[in-house]
Amino acid sequence: MYSNFKGILTENKKIIAVKDINSLESAISSSSKIIFLLSSDICSIEETTRQIKASGKLCFIHLDMIQGLNTKDNSAIDYLKENTFADGVITTKSQVAKYAHKVGFLVVLRCFLIDSLSLNTTLKLFNETFIDAIEILPGVMPKIIQKLCKKSSIPIIAGGLISDEEDIEIALKSGAVAVSTTKLNIID
């Protein structure tokens, strides 16, 4: 779909994550060129993604957080591909990510790093061809971000607990290609 997604991330380092549909209008008006939709439901997802795409922004749907979708089988992904305007998906499930990639979505695999086991599991994912980017949470771990970036050609997005410009600067200096945050005030 987007052969240069890493380049798009590099040019648009600040991604706005919408966790409350009431902040969608502000996100659309922001300078961020990429929106991570962290909250919606099956009844409004088509209209919400249409609004995002009409604003000229890339739209990613967090599959695990859409009410009314069951991502335990592939029909939910097929439904989204056929009935939304999304460019990509975000998920914590590698099997879901693999199928989403197969049907033509860009894929951001979200990984929560809470201990050395989750870090090692994430490192094993770096050879997977179905992942377009990995979002590391929490995104305020510079040493871990540096370690991951040295071992991966997959773009790393830092997300979670990014609350000010200093957090953004540290994550980017650590090697993250972009950051995602719900804090609209630090995007513009």
N, C-alpha and C. Protein backbone atom coordinates (compact mmCIF):
# COMPACT_ATOMS: atom_id res chain seq x y z
N MET A 1 0.84 -1.19 0.00
CA MET A 1 0.00 0.00 0.00
C MET A 1 0.88 1.25 0.00
N TYR A 2 1.59 1.50 1.08
CA TYR A 2 2.52 2.62 1.16
C TYR A 2 3.91 2.03 1.22
N SER A 3 4.61 2.07 0.10
CA SER A 3 5.91 1.41 0.04
C SER A 3 6.95 2.12 0.91
N ASN A 4 6.69 3.37 1.26
CA ASN A 4 7.67 4.11 2.06
C ASN A 4 7.06 4.56 3.38
N PHE A 5 6.47 3.64 4.11
CA PHE A 5 5.85 4.01 5.37
C PHE A 5 6.87 4.53 6.37
N LYS A 6 8.07 3.96 6.36
CA LYS A 6 9.12 4.45 7.26
C LYS A 6 9.43 5.91 6.95
N GLY A 7 9.47 6.26 5.69
CA GLY A 7 9.69 7.65 5.30
C GLY A 7 8.57 8.57 5.75
N ILE A 8 7.35 8.07 5.66
CA ILE A 8 6.19 8.86 6.13
C ILE A 8 6.32 9.11 7.63
N LEU A 9 6.71 8.08 8.38
CA LEU A 9 6.90 8.24 9.83
C LEU A 9 8.03 9.21 10.13
N THR A 10 9.11 9.11 9.38
CA THR A 10 10.27 9.98 9.59
C THR A 10 9.91 11.44 9.36
N GLU A 11 9.07 11.70 8.37
CA GLU A 11 8.65 13.07 8.07
C GLU A 11 7.59 13.58 9.03
N ASN A 12 6.85 12.68 9.66
CA ASN A 12 5.73 13.04 10.55
C ASN A 12 5.94 12.36 11.89
N LYS A 13 6.86 12.90 12.67
CA LYS A 13 7.32 12.26 13.90
C LYS A 13 6.31 12.24 15.03
N LYS A 14 5.31 13.11 14.96
CA LYS A 14 4.32 13.20 16.04
C LYS A 14 2.98 12.68 15.56
N ILE A 15 2.54 11.60 16.19
CA ILE A 15 1.29 10.94 15.84
C ILE A 15 0.29 11.23 16.95
N ILE A 16 -0.89 11.70 16.57
CA ILE A 16 -1.91 11.93 17.59
C ILE A 16 -2.75 10.67 17.77
N ALA A 17 -2.89 10.25 19.00
CA ALA A 17 -3.70 9.08 19.34
C ALA A 17 -5.01 9.58 19.94
N VAL A 18 -6.12 9.19 19.33
CA VAL A 18 -7.44 9.63 19.77
C VAL A 18 -8.06 8.54 20.63
N LYS A 19 -8.14 8.81 21.94
CA LYS A 19 -8.73 7.82 22.84
C LYS A 19 -10.16 8.17 23.22
N ASP A 20 -10.60 9.37 22.84
CA ASP A 20 -11.95 9.83 23.14
C ASP A 20 -12.49 10.48 21.88
N ILE A 21 -13.59 9.98 21.37
CA ILE A 21 -14.14 10.47 20.10
C ILE A 21 -14.43 11.97 20.15
N ASN A 22 -14.60 12.53 21.35
CA ASN A 22 -14.83 13.97 21.48
C ASN A 22 -13.60 14.79 21.09
N SER A 23 -12.43 14.17 21.08
CA SER A 23 -11.21 14.89 20.69
C SER A 23 -10.86 14.69 19.21
N LEU A 24 -11.74 14.02 18.47
CA LEU A 24 -11.45 13.75 17.06
C LEU A 24 -11.31 15.04 16.25
N GLU A 25 -12.20 15.99 16.45
CA GLU A 25 -12.14 17.23 15.68
C GLU A 25 -10.82 17.97 15.91
N SER A 26 -10.37 18.01 17.17
CA SER A 26 -9.09 18.65 17.47
C SER A 26 -7.93 17.89 16.83
N ALA A 27 -8.01 16.58 16.83
CA ALA A 27 -6.96 15.77 16.21
C ALA A 27 -6.91 16.02 14.71
N ILE A 28 -8.06 16.10 14.09
CA ILE A 28 -8.12 16.36 12.66
C ILE A 28 -7.54 17.74 12.34
N SER A 29 -7.76 18.70 13.23
CA SER A 29 -7.25 20.06 13.02
C SER A 29 -5.77 20.20 13.36
N SER A 30 -5.19 19.20 14.00
CA SER A 30 -3.79 19.28 14.42
C SER A 30 -2.84 19.16 13.23
N SER A 31 -1.57 19.43 13.48
CA SER A 31 -0.56 19.31 12.43
C SER A 31 -0.14 17.86 12.19
N SER A 32 -0.53 16.96 13.07
CA SER A 32 -0.17 15.55 12.91
C SER A 32 -0.77 15.01 11.61
N LYS A 33 0.03 14.30 10.85
CA LYS A 33 -0.43 13.73 9.57
C LYS A 33 -0.92 12.29 9.72
N ILE A 34 -0.76 11.75 10.94
CA ILE A 34 -1.17 10.37 11.22
C ILE A 34 -2.02 10.38 12.48
N ILE A 35 -3.15 9.67 12.42
CA ILE A 35 -4.03 9.54 13.59
C ILE A 35 -4.18 8.07 13.93
N PHE A 36 -3.91 7.75 15.20
CA PHE A 36 -4.18 6.43 15.74
C PHE A 36 -5.54 6.51 16.44
N LEU A 37 -6.52 5.80 15.94
CA LEU A 37 -7.86 5.80 16.51
C LEU A 37 -7.93 4.69 17.54
N LEU A 38 -7.93 5.08 18.83
CA LEU A 38 -7.90 4.13 19.93
C LEU A 38 -9.28 3.84 20.50
N SER A 39 -10.29 4.52 19.98
CA SER A 39 -11.62 4.35 20.53
C SER A 39 -12.66 4.55 19.44
N SER A 40 -13.57 3.60 19.33
CA SER A 40 -14.69 3.72 18.42
C SER A 40 -15.57 2.50 18.63
N ASP A 41 -16.58 2.38 17.81
CA ASP A 41 -17.43 1.20 17.85
C ASP A 41 -17.83 0.84 16.42
N ILE A 42 -18.35 -0.33 16.28
CA ILE A 42 -18.68 -0.87 14.97
C ILE A 42 -19.70 0.00 14.22
N CYS A 43 -20.54 0.73 14.95
CA CYS A 43 -21.57 1.55 14.32
C CYS A 43 -21.03 2.86 13.76
N SER A 44 -19.97 3.39 14.33
CA SER A 44 -19.47 4.70 13.90
C SER A 44 -18.11 4.67 13.21
N ILE A 45 -17.49 3.51 13.12
CA ILE A 45 -16.12 3.43 12.60
C ILE A 45 -16.02 3.88 11.15
N GLU A 46 -17.00 3.57 10.34
CA GLU A 46 -16.94 3.98 8.94
C GLU A 46 -16.94 5.50 8.82
N GLU A 47 -17.84 6.17 9.51
CA GLU A 47 -17.92 7.63 9.44
C GLU A 47 -16.67 8.28 10.05
N THR A 48 -16.20 7.76 11.15
CA THR A 48 -15.01 8.32 11.79
C THR A 48 -13.80 8.22 10.88
N THR A 49 -13.59 7.07 10.27
CA THR A 49 -12.44 6.92 9.37
C THR A 49 -12.61 7.78 8.11
N ARG A 50 -13.84 7.96 7.66
CA ARG A 50 -14.09 8.83 6.50
C ARG A 50 -13.66 10.26 6.82
N GLN A 51 -14.01 10.74 8.02
CA GLN A 51 -13.65 12.10 8.43
C GLN A 51 -12.12 12.26 8.48
N ILE A 52 -11.45 11.28 9.02
CA ILE A 52 -9.99 11.35 9.13
C ILE A 52 -9.37 11.38 7.74
N LYS A 53 -9.78 10.49 6.87
CA LYS A 53 -9.22 10.45 5.52
C LYS A 53 -9.56 11.71 4.73
N ALA A 54 -10.76 12.26 4.93
CA ALA A 54 -11.15 13.49 4.22
C ALA A 54 -10.25 14.66 4.62
N SER A 55 -9.65 14.59 5.79
CA SER A 55 -8.74 15.65 6.24
C SER A 55 -7.33 15.47 5.67
N GLY A 56 -7.11 14.39 4.92
CA GLY A 56 -5.80 14.16 4.31
C GLY A 56 -4.81 13.46 5.21
N LYS A 57 -5.27 12.88 6.30
CA LYS A 57 -4.38 12.21 7.25
C LYS A 57 -4.44 10.69 7.07
N LEU A 58 -3.37 10.02 7.48
CA LEU A 58 -3.39 8.56 7.53
C LEU A 58 -4.17 8.14 8.76
N CYS A 59 -4.98 7.10 8.62
CA CYS A 59 -5.84 6.63 9.70
C CYS A 59 -5.50 5.19 10.05
N PHE A 60 -5.18 4.97 11.33
CA PHE A 60 -4.93 3.64 11.86
C PHE A 60 -5.98 3.32 12.92
N ILE A 61 -6.59 2.16 12.81
CA ILE A 61 -7.59 1.70 13.77
C ILE A 61 -6.94 0.72 14.73
N HIS A 62 -7.10 0.96 16.03
CA HIS A 62 -6.61 0.00 17.02
C HIS A 62 -7.66 -1.10 17.15
N LEU A 63 -7.40 -2.22 16.51
CA LEU A 63 -8.37 -3.32 16.42
C LEU A 63 -8.83 -3.83 17.77
N ASP A 64 -7.95 -3.85 18.73
CA ASP A 64 -8.26 -4.43 20.03
C ASP A 64 -9.20 -3.55 20.86
N MET A 65 -9.43 -2.31 20.41
CA MET A 65 -10.21 -1.36 21.21
C MET A 65 -11.51 -0.92 20.54
N ILE A 66 -11.89 -1.52 19.44
CA ILE A 66 -13.12 -1.15 18.77
C ILE A 66 -14.26 -2.01 19.32
N GLN A 67 -15.21 -1.35 19.95
CA GLN A 67 -16.35 -2.06 20.53
C GLN A 67 -17.18 -2.72 19.43
N GLY A 68 -17.55 -3.96 19.65
CA GLY A 68 -18.38 -4.69 18.71
C GLY A 68 -17.60 -5.50 17.70
N LEU A 69 -16.27 -5.43 17.74
CA LEU A 69 -15.44 -6.23 16.84
C LEU A 69 -14.83 -7.40 17.62
N ASN A 70 -14.87 -8.55 17.02
CA ASN A 70 -14.21 -9.71 17.61
C ASN A 70 -13.06 -10.08 16.69
N THR A 71 -11.85 -9.79 17.12
CA THR A 71 -10.69 -10.05 16.27
C THR A 71 -10.16 -11.47 16.44
N LYS A 72 -10.97 -12.34 17.02
CA LYS A 72 -10.54 -13.74 17.16
C LYS A 72 -10.64 -14.49 15.84
N ASP A 73 -11.37 -13.92 14.89
CA ASP A 73 -11.36 -14.49 13.55
C ASP A 73 -11.13 -13.36 12.55
N ASN A 74 -10.91 -13.72 11.32
CA ASN A 74 -10.50 -12.74 10.32
C ASN A 74 -11.64 -11.91 9.74
N SER A 75 -12.88 -12.28 10.03
CA SER A 75 -14.00 -11.55 9.43
C SER A 75 -14.06 -10.10 9.90
N ALA A 76 -13.60 -9.81 11.10
CA ALA A 76 -13.59 -8.42 11.59
C ALA A 76 -12.63 -7.58 10.74
N ILE A 77 -11.49 -8.13 10.41
CA ILE A 77 -10.52 -7.41 9.58
C ILE A 77 -11.07 -7.24 8.16
N ASP A 78 -11.70 -8.28 7.64
CA ASP A 78 -12.32 -8.18 6.31
C ASP A 78 -13.38 -7.09 6.31
N TYR A 79 -14.18 -7.04 7.37
CA TYR A 79 -15.22 -6.02 7.47
C TYR A 79 -14.60 -4.61 7.43
N LEU A 80 -13.56 -4.40 8.22
CA LEU A 80 -12.91 -3.09 8.26
C LEU A 80 -12.28 -2.72 6.92
N LYS A 81 -11.70 -3.69 6.24
CA LYS A 81 -11.08 -3.43 4.95
C LYS A 81 -12.14 -3.01 3.91
N GLU A 82 -13.28 -3.63 3.97
CA GLU A 82 -14.34 -3.36 2.99
C GLU A 82 -15.22 -2.16 3.36
N ASN A 83 -15.28 -1.78 4.63
CA ASN A 83 -16.27 -0.80 5.07
C ASN A 83 -15.71 0.42 5.77
N THR A 84 -14.39 0.59 5.78
CA THR A 84 -13.82 1.79 6.39
C THR A 84 -12.82 2.42 5.43
N PHE A 85 -12.31 3.55 5.85
CA PHE A 85 -11.33 4.28 5.05
C PHE A 85 -9.95 4.22 5.69
N ALA A 86 -9.76 3.27 6.58
CA ALA A 86 -8.50 3.14 7.32
C ALA A 86 -7.36 2.73 6.40
N ASP A 87 -6.18 3.28 6.68
CA ASP A 87 -4.96 2.90 5.97
C ASP A 87 -4.28 1.72 6.64
N GLY A 88 -4.46 1.64 7.96
CA GLY A 88 -3.75 0.62 8.70
C GLY A 88 -4.43 0.27 10.00
N VAL A 89 -3.84 -0.71 10.67
CA VAL A 89 -4.37 -1.18 11.95
C VAL A 89 -3.26 -1.23 12.98
N ILE A 90 -3.67 -1.19 14.22
CA ILE A 90 -2.79 -1.37 15.37
C ILE A 90 -3.35 -2.55 16.14
N THR A 91 -2.48 -3.44 16.57
CA THR A 91 -2.92 -4.58 17.36
C THR A 91 -1.78 -5.08 18.23
N THR A 92 -2.13 -5.81 19.27
CA THR A 92 -1.14 -6.46 20.11
C THR A 92 -0.97 -7.93 19.73
N LYS A 93 -1.77 -8.38 18.77
CA LYS A 93 -1.80 -9.81 18.43
C LYS A 93 -1.12 -10.06 17.09
N SER A 94 -0.04 -10.84 17.10
CA SER A 94 0.73 -11.04 15.87
C SER A 94 -0.05 -11.79 14.80
N GLN A 95 -0.91 -12.74 15.16
CA GLN A 95 -1.70 -13.45 14.16
C GLN A 95 -2.70 -12.52 13.48
N VAL A 96 -3.29 -11.62 14.24
CA VAL A 96 -4.20 -10.63 13.69
C VAL A 96 -3.42 -9.69 12.76
N ALA A 97 -2.24 -9.30 13.18
CA ALA A 97 -1.39 -8.42 12.38
C ALA A 97 -1.04 -9.09 11.04
N LYS A 98 -0.73 -10.35 11.09
CA LYS A 98 -0.35 -11.08 9.88
C LYS A 98 -1.50 -11.08 8.86
N TYR A 99 -2.71 -11.34 9.32
CA TYR A 99 -3.85 -11.35 8.39
C TYR A 99 -4.17 -9.94 7.89
N ALA A 100 -4.10 -8.96 8.76
CA ALA A 100 -4.36 -7.57 8.34
C ALA A 100 -3.39 -7.15 7.25
N HIS A 101 -2.15 -7.54 7.39
CA HIS A 101 -1.14 -7.24 6.36
C HIS A 101 -1.51 -7.94 5.04
N LYS A 102 -1.94 -9.17 5.15
CA LYS A 102 -2.30 -9.96 3.97
C LYS A 102 -3.40 -9.29 3.15
N VAL A 103 -4.37 -8.66 3.84
CA VAL A 103 -5.47 -8.03 3.10
C VAL A 103 -5.16 -6.60 2.67
N GLY A 104 -3.95 -6.10 3.00
CA GLY A 104 -3.53 -4.81 2.48
C GLY A 104 -3.47 -3.66 3.46
N PHE A 105 -3.65 -3.91 4.73
CA PHE A 105 -3.49 -2.86 5.74
C PHE A 105 -2.01 -2.67 6.07
N LEU A 106 -1.62 -1.43 6.37
CA LEU A 106 -0.36 -1.20 7.06
C LEU A 106 -0.56 -1.71 8.48
N VAL A 107 0.48 -2.24 9.09
CA VAL A 107 0.34 -2.86 10.41
C VAL A 107 1.34 -2.28 11.40
N VAL A 108 0.80 -1.78 12.52
CA VAL A 108 1.61 -1.37 13.66
C VAL A 108 1.34 -2.38 14.76
N LEU A 109 2.36 -3.11 15.14
CA LEU A 109 2.23 -4.07 16.23
C LEU A 109 2.59 -3.36 17.53
N ARG A 110 1.67 -3.34 18.46
CA ARG A 110 1.86 -2.65 19.74
C ARG A 110 2.39 -3.65 20.76
N CYS A 111 3.53 -3.31 21.37
CA CYS A 111 4.18 -4.20 22.33
C CYS A 111 4.36 -3.50 23.66
N PHE A 112 3.85 -4.11 24.70
CA PHE A 112 4.01 -3.60 26.06
C PHE A 112 5.24 -4.26 26.68
N LEU A 113 6.24 -3.47 27.02
CA LEU A 113 7.46 -4.00 27.60
C LEU A 113 7.42 -3.83 29.11
N ILE A 114 7.16 -4.93 29.78
CA ILE A 114 7.02 -4.87 31.24
C ILE A 114 8.11 -5.64 31.97
N ASP A 115 8.83 -6.49 31.21
CA ASP A 115 9.90 -7.28 31.83
C ASP A 115 10.80 -7.82 30.72
N SER A 116 11.83 -8.56 31.11
CA SER A 116 12.78 -9.07 30.12
C SER A 116 12.14 -10.10 29.19
N LEU A 117 11.16 -10.83 29.66
CA LEU A 117 10.46 -11.80 28.80
C LEU A 117 9.72 -11.10 27.66
N SER A 118 9.00 -10.03 27.99
CA SER A 118 8.29 -9.29 26.93
C SER A 118 9.28 -8.60 25.98
N LEU A 119 10.41 -8.17 26.49
CA LEU A 119 11.45 -7.58 25.64
C LEU A 119 11.98 -8.63 24.66
N ASN A 120 12.29 -9.82 25.14
CA ASN A 120 12.81 -10.89 24.28
C ASN A 120 11.77 -11.33 23.25
N THR A 121 10.53 -11.38 23.64
CA THR A 121 9.45 -11.72 22.69
C THR A 121 9.37 -10.67 21.59
N THR A 122 9.49 -9.41 21.95
CA THR A 122 9.46 -8.32 20.97
C THR A 122 10.66 -8.41 20.03
N LEU A 123 11.82 -8.70 20.54
CA LEU A 123 13.01 -8.82 19.71
C LEU A 123 12.84 -9.91 18.64
N LYS A 124 12.14 -10.99 18.98
CA LYS A 124 11.91 -12.07 18.02
C LYS A 124 11.01 -11.64 16.87
N LEU A 125 10.21 -10.61 17.07
CA LEU A 125 9.29 -10.13 16.03
C LEU A 125 9.98 -9.32 14.95
N PHE A 126 11.21 -8.91 15.17
CA PHE A 126 11.90 -8.02 14.24
C PHE A 126 12.15 -8.63 12.87
N ASN A 127 12.07 -9.92 12.75
CA ASN A 127 12.28 -10.56 11.45
C ASN A 127 10.99 -10.81 10.69
N GLU A 128 9.87 -10.42 11.27
CA GLU A 128 8.58 -10.65 10.62
C GLU A 128 8.34 -9.62 9.51
N THR A 129 7.91 -10.09 8.37
CA THR A 129 7.70 -9.21 7.22
C THR A 129 6.33 -8.56 7.21
N PHE A 130 5.43 -8.99 8.07
CA PHE A 130 4.08 -8.44 8.06
C PHE A 130 3.92 -7.22 8.97
N ILE A 131 4.99 -6.78 9.60
CA ILE A 131 4.94 -5.64 10.50
C ILE A 131 5.57 -4.43 9.82
N ASP A 132 4.82 -3.33 9.73
CA ASP A 132 5.34 -2.11 9.12
C ASP A 132 5.99 -1.19 10.16
N ALA A 133 5.56 -1.30 11.42
CA ALA A 133 6.17 -0.55 12.52
C ALA A 133 5.81 -1.26 13.82
N ILE A 134 6.63 -1.05 14.82
CA ILE A 134 6.35 -1.57 16.16
C ILE A 134 6.21 -0.38 17.09
N GLU A 135 5.11 -0.36 17.84
CA GLU A 135 4.93 0.69 18.83
C GLU A 135 5.30 0.11 20.19
N ILE A 136 6.25 0.74 20.85
CA ILE A 136 6.75 0.29 22.14
C ILE A 136 6.09 1.12 23.23
N LEU A 137 5.52 0.43 24.23
CA LEU A 137 4.90 1.10 25.35
C LEU A 137 5.47 0.53 26.65
N PRO A 138 5.75 1.33 27.64
CA PRO A 138 5.71 2.79 27.59
C PRO A 138 6.86 3.35 26.78
N GLY A 139 6.62 4.51 26.19
CA GLY A 139 7.59 5.13 25.29
C GLY A 139 8.63 5.98 25.97
N VAL A 140 8.70 5.92 27.28
CA VAL A 140 9.64 6.75 28.03
C VAL A 140 10.78 5.90 28.61
N MET A 141 11.33 5.01 27.75
CA MET A 141 12.41 4.12 28.16
C MET A 141 13.56 4.26 27.18
N PRO A 142 14.36 5.31 27.28
CA PRO A 142 15.38 5.56 26.27
C PRO A 142 16.38 4.42 26.06
N LYS A 143 16.84 3.79 27.12
CA LYS A 143 17.83 2.73 26.96
C LYS A 143 17.24 1.54 26.21
N ILE A 144 16.00 1.22 26.49
CA ILE A 144 15.35 0.09 25.81
C ILE A 144 15.07 0.44 24.35
N ILE A 145 14.62 1.66 24.10
CA ILE A 145 14.37 2.09 22.72
C ILE A 145 15.67 2.01 21.92
N GLN A 146 16.78 2.48 22.49
CA GLN A 146 18.08 2.40 21.80
C GLN A 146 18.43 0.95 21.48
N LYS A 147 18.25 0.06 22.44
CA LYS A 147 18.57 -1.35 22.24
C LYS A 147 17.74 -1.94 21.11
N LEU A 148 16.45 -1.65 21.11
CA LEU A 148 15.56 -2.18 20.07
C LEU A 148 15.91 -1.62 18.69
N CYS A 149 16.17 -0.34 18.63
CA CYS A 149 16.49 0.30 17.34
C CYS A 149 17.76 -0.25 16.73
N LYS A 150 18.72 -0.63 17.56
CA LYS A 150 19.98 -1.19 17.06
C LYS A 150 19.77 -2.58 16.45
N LYS A 151 18.72 -3.26 16.86
CA LYS A 151 18.49 -4.63 16.41
C LYS A 151 17.42 -4.75 15.34
N SER A 152 16.84 -3.63 14.91
CA SER A 152 15.69 -3.71 14.00
C SER A 152 15.77 -2.73 12.86
N SER A 153 15.34 -3.19 11.70
CA SER A 153 15.15 -2.27 10.58
C SER A 153 13.69 -1.82 10.51
N ILE A 154 12.84 -2.41 11.34
CA ILE A 154 11.43 -2.02 11.42
C ILE A 154 11.37 -0.71 12.21
N PRO A 155 10.62 0.28 11.72
CA PRO A 155 10.51 1.54 12.47
C PRO A 155 9.92 1.33 13.86
N ILE A 156 10.48 2.02 14.83
CA ILE A 156 10.00 1.96 16.20
C ILE A 156 9.25 3.26 16.51
N ILE A 157 8.04 3.12 17.01
CA ILE A 157 7.23 4.25 17.47
C ILE A 157 7.19 4.16 18.99
N ALA A 158 7.47 5.25 19.68
CA ALA A 158 7.39 5.28 21.14
C ALA A 158 6.01 5.82 21.51
N GLY A 159 5.30 5.11 22.35
CA GLY A 159 3.96 5.54 22.77
C GLY A 159 3.74 5.21 24.23
N GLY A 160 2.74 5.82 24.80
CA GLY A 160 2.42 5.55 26.19
C GLY A 160 3.24 6.38 27.14
N LEU A 161 2.60 7.17 27.93
CA LEU A 161 3.20 8.04 28.94
C LEU A 161 4.02 9.18 28.34
N ILE A 162 3.88 9.45 27.05
CA ILE A 162 4.52 10.60 26.41
C ILE A 162 3.68 11.82 26.79
N SER A 163 4.23 12.69 27.64
CA SER A 163 3.37 13.76 28.17
C SER A 163 3.87 15.17 27.89
N ASP A 164 5.11 15.31 27.39
CA ASP A 164 5.59 16.66 27.10
C ASP A 164 6.67 16.61 26.01
N GLU A 165 7.12 17.79 25.61
CA GLU A 165 8.14 17.90 24.56
C GLU A 165 9.42 17.18 24.93
N GLU A 166 9.79 17.20 26.19
CA GLU A 166 11.00 16.51 26.63
C GLU A 166 10.90 15.01 26.38
N ASP A 167 9.74 14.41 26.68
CA ASP A 167 9.54 12.99 26.41
C ASP A 167 9.69 12.69 24.92
N ILE A 168 9.13 13.56 24.08
CA ILE A 168 9.23 13.38 22.63
C ILE A 168 10.69 13.45 22.20
N GLU A 169 11.39 14.46 22.67
CA GLU A 169 12.79 14.65 22.30
C GLU A 169 13.66 13.46 22.72
N ILE A 170 13.46 12.98 23.93
CA ILE A 170 14.25 11.86 24.43
C ILE A 170 13.97 10.59 23.61
N ALA A 171 12.69 10.33 23.33
CA ALA A 171 12.34 9.14 22.55
C ALA A 171 12.94 9.20 21.15
N LEU A 172 12.87 10.36 20.51
CA LEU A 172 13.42 10.51 19.16
C LEU A 172 14.94 10.41 19.17
N LYS A 173 15.59 11.01 20.17
CA LYS A 173 17.06 10.93 20.27
C LYS A 173 17.50 9.49 20.56
N SER A 174 16.62 8.71 21.17
CA SER A 174 16.95 7.31 21.48
C SER A 174 16.82 6.41 20.26
N GLY A 175 16.25 6.94 19.18
CA GLY A 175 16.16 6.17 17.95
C GLY A 175 14.75 5.91 17.44
N ALA A 176 13.74 6.23 18.24
CA ALA A 176 12.38 6.05 17.75
C ALA A 176 12.19 6.95 16.52
N VAL A 177 11.51 6.43 15.52
CA VAL A 177 11.30 7.21 14.31
C VAL A 177 10.14 8.18 14.49
N ALA A 178 9.23 7.87 15.42
CA ALA A 178 8.08 8.73 15.70
C ALA A 178 7.59 8.43 17.11
N VAL A 179 6.69 9.29 17.60
CA VAL A 179 6.04 9.07 18.88
C VAL A 179 4.54 9.20 18.69
N SER A 180 3.78 8.50 19.53
CA SER A 180 2.33 8.68 19.54
C SER A 180 1.92 9.15 20.93
N THR A 181 0.97 10.07 20.95
CA THR A 181 0.51 10.62 22.22
C THR A 181 -0.92 11.09 22.10
N THR A 182 -1.63 11.07 23.20
CA THR A 182 -2.98 11.63 23.24
C THR A 182 -2.97 13.10 23.60
N LYS A 183 -1.79 13.64 23.89
CA LYS A 183 -1.66 15.03 24.33
C LYS A 183 -1.60 15.97 23.13
N LEU A 184 -2.74 16.49 22.73
CA LEU A 184 -2.82 17.38 21.58
C LEU A 184 -1.95 18.64 21.74
N ASN A 185 -1.82 19.11 22.97
CA ASN A 185 -1.07 20.34 23.20
C ASN A 185 0.41 20.24 22.89
N ILE A 186 0.96 19.05 22.79
CA ILE A 186 2.38 18.92 22.47
C ILE A 186 2.61 18.52 21.00
N ILE A 187 1.56 18.38 20.24
CA ILE A 187 1.69 18.03 18.82
C ILE A 187 2.01 19.27 18.01
N ASP A 188 1.28 20.34 18.22
CA ASP A 188 1.46 21.54 17.41
C ASP A 188 2.47 22.49 18.00
